[in-house]
Amino acid sequence: AAVAAGYGITTMQLFTILPTDRFVRLLTQANLPVRVHARPFPLTTPQ
């Protein structure tokens, strides 16, 4: 987020391999200086 803010980025739309509920919880705890739109990226199994 610090790098983003230094470039004038005020919103990041992020995909992550982390489970979405964990990612959102940690984003909230991090209290970043930029806005983040978490974009869920579900995985697959053989089924």
All heavy atoms as atom14 arrays in JSON, in Angstrom:
{
  "sequence": "AAVAAGYGITTMQLFTILPTDRFVRLLTQANLPVRVHARPFPLTTPQ",
  "atom14_mask": [
    [1, 1, 1, 1, 1, 0, 0, 0, 0, 0, 0, 0, 0, 0],
    [1, 1, 1, 1, 1, 0, 0, 0, 0, 0, 0, 0, 0, 0],
    [1, 1, 1, 1, 1, 1, 1, 0, 0, 0, 0, 0, 0, 0],
    [1, 1, 1, 1, 1, 0, 0, 0, 0, 0, 0, 0, 0, 0],
    [1, 1, 1, 1, 1, 0, 0, 0, 0, 0, 0, 0, 0, 0],
    [1, 1, 1, 1, 0, 0, 0, 0, 0, 0, 0, 0, 0, 0],
    [1, 1, 1, 1, 1, 1, 1, 1, 1, 1, 1, 1, 0, 0],
    [1, 1, 1, 1, 0, 0, 0, 0, 0, 0, 0, 0, 0, 0],
    [1, 1, 1, 1, 1, 1, 1, 1, 0, 0, 0, 0, 0, 0],
    [1, 1, 1, 1, 1, 1, 1, 0, 0, 0, 0, 0, 0, 0],
    [1, 1, 1, 1, 1, 1, 1, 0, 0, 0, 0, 0, 0, 0],
    [1, 1, 1, 1, 1, 1, 1, 1, 0, 0, 0, 0, 0, 0],
    [1, 1, 1, 1, 1, 1, 1, 1, 1, 0, 0, 0, 0, 0],
    [1, 1, 1, 1, 1, 1, 1, 1, 0, 0, 0, 0, 0, 0],
    [1, 1, 1, 1, 1, 1, 1, 1, 1, 1, 1, 0, 0, 0],
    [1, 1, 1, 1, 1, 1, 1, 0, 0, 0, 0, 0, 0, 0],
    [1, 1, 1, 1, 1, 1, 1, 1, 0, 0, 0, 0, 0, 0],
    [1, 1, 1, 1, 1, 1, 1, 1, 0, 0, 0, 0, 0, 0],
    [1, 1, 1, 1, 1, 1, 1, 0, 0, 0, 0, 0, 0, 0],
    [1, 1, 1, 1, 1, 1, 1, 0, 0, 0, 0, 0, 0, 0],
    [1, 1, 1, 1, 1, 1, 1, 1, 0, 0, 0, 0, 0, 0],
    [1, 1, 1, 1, 1, 1, 1, 1, 1, 1, 1, 0, 0, 0],
    [1, 1, 1, 1, 1, 1, 1, 1, 1, 1, 1, 0, 0, 0],
    [1, 1, 1, 1, 1, 1, 1, 0, 0, 0, 0, 0, 0, 0],
    [1, 1, 1, 1, 1, 1, 1, 1, 1, 1, 1, 0, 0, 0],
    [1, 1, 1, 1, 1, 1, 1, 1, 0, 0, 0, 0, 0, 0],
    [1, 1, 1, 1, 1, 1, 1, 1, 0, 0, 0, 0, 0, 0],
    [1, 1, 1, 1, 1, 1, 1, 0, 0, 0, 0, 0, 0, 0],
    [1, 1, 1, 1, 1, 1, 1, 1, 1, 0, 0, 0, 0, 0],
    [1, 1, 1, 1, 1, 0, 0, 0, 0, 0, 0, 0, 0, 0],
    [1, 1, 1, 1, 1, 1, 1, 1, 0, 0, 0, 0, 0, 0],
    [1, 1, 1, 1, 1, 1, 1, 1, 0, 0, 0, 0, 0, 0],
    [1, 1, 1, 1, 1, 1, 1, 0, 0, 0, 0, 0, 0, 0],
    [1, 1, 1, 1, 1, 1, 1, 0, 0, 0, 0, 0, 0, 0],
    [1, 1, 1, 1, 1, 1, 1, 1, 1, 1, 1, 0, 0, 0],
    [1, 1, 1, 1, 1, 1, 1, 0, 0, 0, 0, 0, 0, 0],
    [1, 1, 1, 1, 1, 1, 1, 1, 1, 1, 0, 0, 0, 0],
    [1, 1, 1, 1, 1, 0, 0, 0, 0, 0, 0, 0, 0, 0],
    [1, 1, 1, 1, 1, 1, 1, 1, 1, 1, 1, 0, 0, 0],
    [1, 1, 1, 1, 1, 1, 1, 0, 0, 0, 0, 0, 0, 0],
    [1, 1, 1, 1, 1, 1, 1, 1, 1, 1, 1, 0, 0, 0],
    [1, 1, 1, 1, 1, 1, 1, 0, 0, 0, 0, 0, 0, 0],
    [1, 1, 1, 1, 1, 1, 1, 1, 0, 0, 0, 0, 0, 0],
    [1, 1, 1, 1, 1, 1, 1, 0, 0, 0, 0, 0, 0, 0],
    [1, 1, 1, 1, 1, 1, 1, 0, 0, 0, 0, 0, 0, 0],
    [1, 1, 1, 1, 1, 1, 1, 0, 0, 0, 0, 0, 0, 0],
    [1, 1, 1, 1, 1, 1, 1, 1, 1, 0, 0, 0, 0, 0]
  ],
  "atom14_positions": [
    [[0.83, -1.21, 0.0], [0.0, 0.0, 0.0], [0.86, 1.26, 0.0], [0.5, 2.26, -0.64], [-0.94, -0.01, 1.2], [0.0, 0.0, 0.0], [0.0, 0.0, 0.0], [0.0, 0.0, 0.0], [0.0, 0.0, 0.0], [0.0, 0.0, 0.0], [0.0, 0.0, 0.0], [0.0, 0.0, 0.0], [0.0, 0.0, 0.0], [0.0, 0.0, 0.0]],
    [[2.0, 1.21, 0.71], [2.89, 2.38, 0.73], [3.46, 2.64, -0.66], [3.56, 3.8, -1.1], [4.01, 2.16, 1.74], [0.0, 0.0, 0.0], [0.0, 0.0, 0.0], [0.0, 0.0, 0.0], [0.0, 0.0, 0.0], [0.0, 0.0, 0.0], [0.0, 0.0, 0.0], [0.0, 0.0, 0.0], [0.0, 0.0, 0.0], [0.0, 0.0, 0.0]],
    [[3.82, 1.59, -1.36], [4.32, 1.74, -2.73], [3.21, 2.3, -3.62], [3.44, 3.22, -4.42], [4.82, 0.38, -3.28], [5.17, 0.5, -4.75], [6.03, -0.1, -2.48], [0.0, 0.0, 0.0], [0.0, 0.0, 0.0], [0.0, 0.0, 0.0], [0.0, 0.0, 0.0], [0.0, 0.0, 0.0], [0.0, 0.0, 0.0], [0.0, 0.0, 0.0]],
    [[2.0, 1.77, -3.48], [0.88, 2.25, -4.28], [0.62, 3.73, -4.05], [0.48, 4.52, -5.0], [-0.37, 1.43, -3.96], [0.0, 0.0, 0.0], [0.0, 0.0, 0.0], [0.0, 0.0, 0.0], [0.0, 0.0, 0.0], [0.0, 0.0, 0.0], [0.0, 0.0, 0.0], [0.0, 0.0, 0.0], [0.0, 0.0, 0.0], [0.0, 0.0, 0.0]],
    [[0.57, 4.12, -2.78], [0.31, 5.53, -2.46], [1.39, 6.43, -3.03], [1.11, 7.55, -3.49], [0.2, 5.71, -0.95], [0.0, 0.0, 0.0], [0.0, 0.0, 0.0], [0.0, 0.0, 0.0], [0.0, 0.0, 0.0], [0.0, 0.0, 0.0], [0.0, 0.0, 0.0], [0.0, 0.0, 0.0], [0.0, 0.0, 0.0], [0.0, 0.0, 0.0]],
    [[2.63, 5.95, -3.04], [3.72, 6.73, -3.6], [3.6, 6.97, -5.09], [4.16, 7.93, -5.63], [0.0, 0.0, 0.0], [0.0, 0.0, 0.0], [0.0, 0.0, 0.0], [0.0, 0.0, 0.0], [0.0, 0.0, 0.0], [0.0, 0.0, 0.0], [0.0, 0.0, 0.0], [0.0, 0.0, 0.0], [0.0, 0.0, 0.0], [0.0, 0.0, 0.0]],
    [[2.83, 6.12, -5.76], [2.58, 6.27, -7.18], [1.26, 7.0, -7.47], [0.85, 7.11, -8.63], [2.54, 4.91, -7.87], [3.89, 4.32, -8.18], [4.21, 3.02, -7.77], [4.84, 5.02, -8.91], [5.44, 2.45, -8.07], [6.06, 4.47, -9.22], [6.37, 3.18, -8.8], [7.59, 2.62, -9.11], [0.0, 0.0, 0.0], [0.0, 0.0, 0.0]],
    [[0.58, 7.44, -6.44], [-0.71, 8.1, -6.66], [-1.85, 7.13, -6.87], [-2.92, 7.52, -7.33], [0.0, 0.0, 0.0], [0.0, 0.0, 0.0], [0.0, 0.0, 0.0], [0.0, 0.0, 0.0], [0.0, 0.0, 0.0], [0.0, 0.0, 0.0], [0.0, 0.0, 0.0], [0.0, 0.0, 0.0], [0.0, 0.0, 0.0], [0.0, 0.0, 0.0]],
    [[-1.64, 5.87, -6.51], [-2.71, 4.87, -6.59], [-3.55, 4.98, -5.32], [-3.02, 4.85, -4.21], [-2.14, 3.45, -6.74], [-1.39, 3.32, -8.06], [-3.25, 2.4, -6.65], [-0.58, 2.04, -8.19], [0.0, 0.0, 0.0], [0.0, 0.0, 0.0], [0.0, 0.0, 0.0], [0.0, 0.0, 0.0], [0.0, 0.0, 0.0], [0.0, 0.0, 0.0]],
    [[-4.82, 5.22, -5.46], [-5.69, 5.34, -4.31], [-6.63, 4.15, -4.15], [-7.27, 4.0, -3.1], [-6.52, 6.63, -4.39], [-7.21, 6.67, -5.64], [-5.62, 7.86, -4.27], [0.0, 0.0, 0.0], [0.0, 0.0, 0.0], [0.0, 0.0, 0.0], [0.0, 0.0, 0.0], [0.0, 0.0, 0.0], [0.0, 0.0, 0.0], [0.0, 0.0, 0.0]],
    [[-6.74, 3.31, -5.17], [-7.52, 2.07, -5.09], [-6.74, 0.94, -5.74], [-6.21, 1.11, -6.85], [-8.88, 2.2, -5.78], [-9.67, 3.18, -5.12], [-9.64, 0.87, -5.75], [0.0, 0.0, 0.0], [0.0, 0.0, 0.0], [0.0, 0.0, 0.0], [0.0, 0.0, 0.0], [0.0, 0.0, 0.0], [0.0, 0.0, 0.0], [0.0, 0.0, 0.0]],
    [[-6.69, -0.2, -5.06], [-6.13, -1.42, -5.64], [-7.24, -2.47, -5.69], [-7.88, -2.75, -4.68], [-4.97, -1.95, -4.81], [-3.78, -1.04, -4.72], [-2.36, -1.82, -3.86], [-3.03, -2.05, -2.21], [0.0, 0.0, 0.0], [0.0, 0.0, 0.0], [0.0, 0.0, 0.0], [0.0, 0.0, 0.0], [0.0, 0.0, 0.0], [0.0, 0.0, 0.0]],
    [[-7.47, -3.02, -6.86], [-8.38, -4.16, -7.0], [-7.5, -5.4, -7.04], [-6.78, -5.63, -8.01], [-9.23, -4.0, -8.25], [-10.09, -2.74, -8.24], [-10.98, -2.6, -9.45], [-11.62, -3.57, -9.88], [-11.03, -1.41, -10.02], [0.0, 0.0, 0.0], [0.0, 0.0, 0.0], [0.0, 0.0, 0.0], [0.0, 0.0, 0.0], [0.0, 0.0, 0.0]],
    [[-7.56, -6.19, -5.98], [-6.59, -7.26, -5.77], [-7.21, -8.64, -5.83], [-8.24, -8.91, -5.2], [-5.92, -7.09, -4.4], [-5.01, -5.88, -4.19], [-4.42, -5.9, -2.79], [-3.9, -5.85, -5.23], [0.0, 0.0, 0.0], [0.0, 0.0, 0.0], [0.0, 0.0, 0.0], [0.0, 0.0, 0.0], [0.0, 0.0, 0.0], [0.0, 0.0, 0.0]],
    [[-6.54, -9.51, -6.57], [-6.81, -10.94, -6.53], [-5.78, -11.57, -5.59], [-4.62, -11.15, -5.57], [-6.67, -11.56, -7.93], [-7.54, -10.91, -8.96], [-7.01, -9.98, -9.85], [-8.88, -11.21, -9.05], [-7.8, -9.38, -10.81], [-9.69, -10.6, -10.0], [-9.14, -9.69, -10.88], [0.0, 0.0, 0.0], [0.0, 0.0, 0.0], [0.0, 0.0, 0.0]],
    [[-6.2, -12.58, -4.86], [-5.27, -13.23, -3.96], [-5.59, -14.71, -3.88], [-6.74, -15.12, -4.06], [-5.31, -12.61, -2.55], [-4.33, -13.25, -1.72], [-6.67, -12.82, -1.91], [0.0, 0.0, 0.0], [0.0, 0.0, 0.0], [0.0, 0.0, 0.0], [0.0, 0.0, 0.0], [0.0, 0.0, 0.0], [0.0, 0.0, 0.0], [0.0, 0.0, 0.0]],
    [[-4.57, -15.49, -3.59], [-4.73, -16.92, -3.4], [-5.18, -17.24, -1.98], [-5.57, -18.37, -1.67], [-3.41, -17.65, -3.75], [-3.69, -19.03, -4.33], [-2.46, -17.69, -2.57], [-4.32, -19.0, -5.7], [0.0, 0.0, 0.0], [0.0, 0.0, 0.0], [0.0, 0.0, 0.0], [0.0, 0.0, 0.0], [0.0, 0.0, 0.0], [0.0, 0.0, 0.0]],
    [[-5.12, -16.24, -1.08], [-5.59, -16.43, 0.28], [-7.1, -16.67, 0.29], [-7.83, -16.14, -0.56], [-5.3, -15.19, 1.13], [-3.84, -14.88, 1.47], [-3.75, -13.48, 2.07], [-3.28, -15.9, 2.44], [0.0, 0.0, 0.0], [0.0, 0.0, 0.0], [0.0, 0.0, 0.0], [0.0, 0.0, 0.0], [0.0, 0.0, 0.0], [0.0, 0.0, 0.0]],
    [[-7.61, -17.45, 1.26], [-9.06, -17.54, 1.4], [-9.64, -16.14, 1.57], [-9.08, -15.31, 2.3], [-9.24, -18.39, 2.66], [-7.98, -19.18, 2.78], [-6.89, -18.3, 2.24], [0.0, 0.0, 0.0], [0.0, 0.0, 0.0], [0.0, 0.0, 0.0], [0.0, 0.0, 0.0], [0.0, 0.0, 0.0], [0.0, 0.0, 0.0], [0.0, 0.0, 0.0]],
    [[-10.75, -15.87, 0.92], [-11.28, -14.52, 0.9], [-11.6, -13.99, 2.29], [-11.35, -12.82, 2.6], [-12.53, -14.46, 0.0], [-12.19, -14.96, -1.3], [-13.04, -13.05, -0.12], [0.0, 0.0, 0.0], [0.0, 0.0, 0.0], [0.0, 0.0, 0.0], [0.0, 0.0, 0.0], [0.0, 0.0, 0.0], [0.0, 0.0, 0.0], [0.0, 0.0, 0.0]],
    [[-12.17, -14.85, 3.17], [-12.52, -14.36, 4.5], [-11.27, -13.96, 5.28], [-11.27, -12.95, 5.99], [-13.33, -15.4, 5.27], [-12.63, -16.75, 5.37], [-11.59, -16.95, 4.73], [-13.14, -17.61, 6.12], [0.0, 0.0, 0.0], [0.0, 0.0, 0.0], [0.0, 0.0, 0.0], [0.0, 0.0, 0.0], [0.0, 0.0, 0.0], [0.0, 0.0, 0.0]],
    [[-10.17, -14.7, 5.13], [-8.92, -14.32, 5.81], [-8.36, -13.03, 5.22], [-7.91, -12.15, 5.94], [-7.9, -15.45, 5.7], [-6.6, -15.14, 6.44], [-5.52, -16.17, 6.19], [-4.29, -15.83, 6.93], [-3.07, -16.26, 6.6], [-2.9, -17.06, 5.57], [-2.03, -15.89, 7.31], [0.0, 0.0, 0.0], [0.0, 0.0, 0.0], [0.0, 0.0, 0.0]],
    [[-8.39, -12.94, 3.91], [-7.84, -11.76, 3.25], [-8.58, -10.49, 3.69], [-7.97, -9.48, 4.03], [-7.94, -11.93, 1.73], [-7.28, -10.84, 0.93], [-6.03, -10.37, 1.24], [-7.95, -10.28, -0.16], [-5.41, -9.37, 0.49], [-7.35, -9.29, -0.92], [-6.08, -8.84, -0.58], [0.0, 0.0, 0.0], [0.0, 0.0, 0.0], [0.0, 0.0, 0.0]],
    [[-9.9, -10.55, 3.7], [-10.69, -9.38, 4.08], [-10.44, -9.03, 5.55], [-10.33, -7.85, 5.91], [-12.18, -9.66, 3.81], [-13.05, -8.59, 4.44], [-12.44, -9.73, 2.31], [0.0, 0.0, 0.0], [0.0, 0.0, 0.0], [0.0, 0.0, 0.0], [0.0, 0.0, 0.0], [0.0, 0.0, 0.0], [0.0, 0.0, 0.0], [0.0, 0.0, 0.0]],
    [[-10.34, -10.03, 6.4], [-10.07, -9.78, 7.82], [-8.73, -9.09, 8.01], [-8.61, -8.11, 8.77], [-10.09, -11.11, 8.6], [-9.66, -10.99, 10.06], [-9.84, -12.29, 10.8], [-9.11, -13.4, 10.21], [-7.82, -13.66, 10.43], [-7.1, -12.85, 11.23], [-7.23, -14.7, 9.87], [0.0, 0.0, 0.0], [0.0, 0.0, 0.0], [0.0, 0.0, 0.0]],
    [[-7.7, -9.53, 7.29], [-6.37, -8.94, 7.44], [-6.3, -7.56, 6.79], [-5.59, -6.67, 7.28], [-5.32, -9.88, 6.86], [-5.19, -11.23, 7.58], [-4.12, -12.08, 6.93], [-4.9, -11.04, 9.06], [0.0, 0.0, 0.0], [0.0, 0.0, 0.0], [0.0, 0.0, 0.0], [0.0, 0.0, 0.0], [0.0, 0.0, 0.0], [0.0, 0.0, 0.0]],
    [[-7.03, -7.36, 5.7], [-7.1, -6.02, 5.11], [-7.7, -5.03, 6.11], [-7.22, -3.9, 6.25], [-7.96, -6.04, 3.85], [-7.32, -6.52, 2.55], [-8.39, -6.67, 1.47], [-6.23, -5.56, 2.09], [0.0, 0.0, 0.0], [0.0, 0.0, 0.0], [0.0, 0.0, 0.0], [0.0, 0.0, 0.0], [0.0, 0.0, 0.0], [0.0, 0.0, 0.0]],
    [[-8.74, -5.45, 6.78], [-9.39, -4.58, 7.76], [-8.43, -4.26, 8.91], [-8.32, -3.12, 9.35], [-10.66, -5.25, 8.28], [-11.54, -5.52, 7.18], [-11.38, -4.35, 9.27], [0.0, 0.0, 0.0], [0.0, 0.0, 0.0], [0.0, 0.0, 0.0], [0.0, 0.0, 0.0], [0.0, 0.0, 0.0], [0.0, 0.0, 0.0], [0.0, 0.0, 0.0]],
    [[-7.71, -5.28, 9.38], [-6.76, -5.07, 10.47], [-5.59, -4.18, 10.03], [-5.07, -3.4, 10.83], [-6.23, -6.41, 10.97], [-7.25, -7.26, 11.69], [-6.69, -8.61, 12.13], [-5.47, -8.78, 12.23], [-7.56, -9.56, 12.4], [0.0, 0.0, 0.0], [0.0, 0.0, 0.0], [0.0, 0.0, 0.0], [0.0, 0.0, 0.0], [0.0, 0.0, 0.0]],
    [[-5.19, -4.3, 8.78], [-4.03, -3.53, 8.3], [-4.32, -2.04, 8.24], [-3.4, -1.23, 8.32], [-3.61, -4.05, 6.92], [0.0, 0.0, 0.0], [0.0, 0.0, 0.0], [0.0, 0.0, 0.0], [0.0, 0.0, 0.0], [0.0, 0.0, 0.0], [0.0, 0.0, 0.0], [0.0, 0.0, 0.0], [0.0, 0.0, 0.0], [0.0, 0.0, 0.0]],
    [[-5.59, -1.65, 8.05], [-5.98, -0.24, 8.03], [-5.1, 0.54, 7.05], [-4.4, 1.49, 7.42], [-5.9, 0.37, 9.44], [-6.54, 1.74, 9.51], [-7.46, 2.04, 8.74], [-6.07, 2.59, 10.4], [0.0, 0.0, 0.0], [0.0, 0.0, 0.0], [0.0, 0.0, 0.0], [0.0, 0.0, 0.0], [0.0, 0.0, 0.0], [0.0, 0.0, 0.0]],
    [[-5.15, 0.15, 5.81], [-4.26, 0.71, 4.79], [-4.65, 2.13, 4.41], [-5.82, 2.52, 4.53], [-4.28, -0.19, 3.55], [-3.89, -1.65, 3.78], [-3.99, -2.42, 2.47], [-2.5, -1.76, 4.37], [0.0, 0.0, 0.0], [0.0, 0.0, 0.0], [0.0, 0.0, 0.0], [0.0, 0.0, 0.0], [0.0, 0.0, 0.0], [0.0, 0.0, 0.0]],
    [[-3.7, 2.91, 3.89], [-3.99, 4.28, 3.47], [-4.63, 4.37, 2.09], [-4.88, 5.47, 1.59], [-2.61, 4.94, 3.46], [-1.68, 3.82, 3.12], [-2.26, 2.61, 3.8], [0.0, 0.0, 0.0], [0.0, 0.0, 0.0], [0.0, 0.0, 0.0], [0.0, 0.0, 0.0], [0.0, 0.0, 0.0], [0.0, 0.0, 0.0], [0.0, 0.0, 0.0]],
    [[-4.87, 3.24, 1.45], [-5.53, 3.22, 0.14], [-6.75, 2.31, 0.23], [-6.89, 1.5, 1.15], [-4.58, 2.71, -0.96], [-3.36, 3.61, -1.09], [-4.15, 1.27, -0.69], [0.0, 0.0, 0.0], [0.0, 0.0, 0.0], [0.0, 0.0, 0.0], [0.0, 0.0, 0.0], [0.0, 0.0, 0.0], [0.0, 0.0, 0.0], [0.0, 0.0, 0.0]],
    [[-7.63, 2.43, -0.74], [-8.81, 1.57, -0.8], [-8.44, 0.26, -1.49], [-7.65, 0.25, -2.43], [-9.95, 2.26, -1.56], [-10.29, 3.64, -1.0], [-11.42, 4.31, -1.77], [-11.43, 5.73, -1.48], [-11.94, 6.29, -0.38], [-12.49, 5.5, 0.54], [-11.88, 7.59, -0.19], [0.0, 0.0, 0.0], [0.0, 0.0, 0.0], [0.0, 0.0, 0.0]],
    [[-9.02, -0.83, -1.0], [-8.77, -2.14, -1.6], [-10.1, -2.81, -1.9], [-10.96, -2.92, -1.02], [-7.92, -3.04, -0.69], [-7.77, -4.44, -1.32], [-6.55, -2.43, -0.44], [0.0, 0.0, 0.0], [0.0, 0.0, 0.0], [0.0, 0.0, 0.0], [0.0, 0.0, 0.0], [0.0, 0.0, 0.0], [0.0, 0.0, 0.0], [0.0, 0.0, 0.0]],
    [[-10.26, -3.23, -3.13], [-11.41, -4.02, -3.53], [-10.92, -5.45, -3.72], [-10.21, -5.76, -4.68], [-12.0, -3.48, -4.84], [-13.37, -3.99, -5.13], [-14.31, -3.26, -5.82], [-13.99, -5.16, -4.81], [-15.43, -3.95, -5.93], [-15.26, -5.12, -5.33], [0.0, 0.0, 0.0], [0.0, 0.0, 0.0], [0.0, 0.0, 0.0], [0.0, 0.0, 0.0]],
    [[-11.25, -6.31, -2.77], [-10.83, -7.71, -2.82], [-11.68, -8.45, -3.85], [-12.91, -8.39, -3.82], [-10.96, -8.36, -1.45], [0.0, 0.0, 0.0], [0.0, 0.0, 0.0], [0.0, 0.0, 0.0], [0.0, 0.0, 0.0], [0.0, 0.0, 0.0], [0.0, 0.0, 0.0], [0.0, 0.0, 0.0], [0.0, 0.0, 0.0], [0.0, 0.0, 0.0]],
    [[-11.0, -9.17, -4.74], [-11.67, -9.9, -5.81], [-11.45, -11.41, -5.61], [-10.36, -11.92, -5.86], [-11.09, -9.48, -7.16], [-11.33, -8.0, -7.52], [-12.79, -7.67, -7.55], [-13.07, -6.47, -8.36], [-14.28, -6.08, -8.69], [-15.33, -6.77, -8.29], [-14.46, -4.99, -9.41], [0.0, 0.0, 0.0], [0.0, 0.0, 0.0], [0.0, 0.0, 0.0]],
    [[-12.45, -12.14, -5.14], [-12.27, -13.57, -4.87], [-11.82, -14.36, -6.09], [-12.28, -14.13, -7.21], [-13.67, -14.01, -4.42], [-14.26, -12.77, -3.81], [-13.76, -11.65, -4.67], [0.0, 0.0, 0.0], [0.0, 0.0, 0.0], [0.0, 0.0, 0.0], [0.0, 0.0, 0.0], [0.0, 0.0, 0.0], [0.0, 0.0, 0.0], [0.0, 0.0, 0.0]],
    [[-10.9, -15.29, -5.83], [-10.28, -16.13, -6.87], [-10.38, -17.58, -6.39], [-9.43, -18.12, -5.85], [-8.83, -15.68, -7.05], [-8.03, -16.45, -8.06], [-8.63, -17.21, -9.04], [-6.64, -16.41, -8.03], [-7.89, -17.93, -9.96], [-5.87, -17.13, -8.95], [-6.51, -17.88, -9.92], [0.0, 0.0, 0.0], [0.0, 0.0, 0.0], [0.0, 0.0, 0.0]],
    [[-11.54, -18.22, -6.55], [-11.71, -19.58, -6.04], [-10.87, -20.59, -6.82], [-10.53, -20.38, -7.98], [-13.2, -19.84, -6.21], [-13.64, -18.91, -7.29], [-12.75, -17.7, -7.18], [0.0, 0.0, 0.0], [0.0, 0.0, 0.0], [0.0, 0.0, 0.0], [0.0, 0.0, 0.0], [0.0, 0.0, 0.0], [0.0, 0.0, 0.0], [0.0, 0.0, 0.0]],
    [[-10.57, -21.71, -6.17], [-9.76, -22.77, -6.76], [-10.63, -23.95, -7.16], [-11.86, -23.88, -7.12], [-8.66, -23.17, -5.78], [-7.67, -22.06, -5.43], [-6.65, -22.54, -4.41], [-6.96, -21.55, -6.68], [0.0, 0.0, 0.0], [0.0, 0.0, 0.0], [0.0, 0.0, 0.0], [0.0, 0.0, 0.0], [0.0, 0.0, 0.0], [0.0, 0.0, 0.0]],
    [[-9.98, -25.03, -7.54], [-10.69, -26.23, -7.97], [-10.07, -27.47, -7.33], [-8.95, -27.43, -6.82], [-10.65, -26.39, -9.49], [-9.29, -26.65, -9.89], [-11.16, -25.16, -10.22], [0.0, 0.0, 0.0], [0.0, 0.0, 0.0], [0.0, 0.0, 0.0], [0.0, 0.0, 0.0], [0.0, 0.0, 0.0], [0.0, 0.0, 0.0], [0.0, 0.0, 0.0]],
    [[-10.8, -28.56, -7.37], [-10.33, -29.88, -6.93], [-10.57, -30.85, -8.08], [-11.17, -30.48, -9.1], [-11.1, -30.35, -5.69], [-12.46, -30.65, -6.08], [-11.11, -29.29, -4.59], [0.0, 0.0, 0.0], [0.0, 0.0, 0.0], [0.0, 0.0, 0.0], [0.0, 0.0, 0.0], [0.0, 0.0, 0.0], [0.0, 0.0, 0.0], [0.0, 0.0, 0.0]],
    [[-10.15, -32.11, -7.93], [-10.47, -33.09, -8.98], [-11.98, -33.26, -9.16], [-12.44, -33.69, -10.22], [-9.82, -34.37, -8.46], [-8.68, -33.91, -7.62], [-9.18, -32.67, -6.96], [0.0, 0.0, 0.0], [0.0, 0.0, 0.0], [0.0, 0.0, 0.0], [0.0, 0.0, 0.0], [0.0, 0.0, 0.0], [0.0, 0.0, 0.0], [0.0, 0.0, 0.0]],
    [[-12.75, -32.9, -8.13], [-14.2, -33.07, -8.2], [-14.91, -31.87, -8.84], [-16.06, -31.97, -9.24], [-14.78, -33.3, -6.8], [-14.43, -34.66, -6.2], [-12.96, -34.76, -5.8], [-12.41, -33.83, -5.19], [-12.33, -35.88, -6.13], [0.0, 0.0, 0.0], [0.0, 0.0, 0.0], [0.0, 0.0, 0.0], [0.0, 0.0, 0.0], [0.0, 0.0, 0.0]]
  ]
}
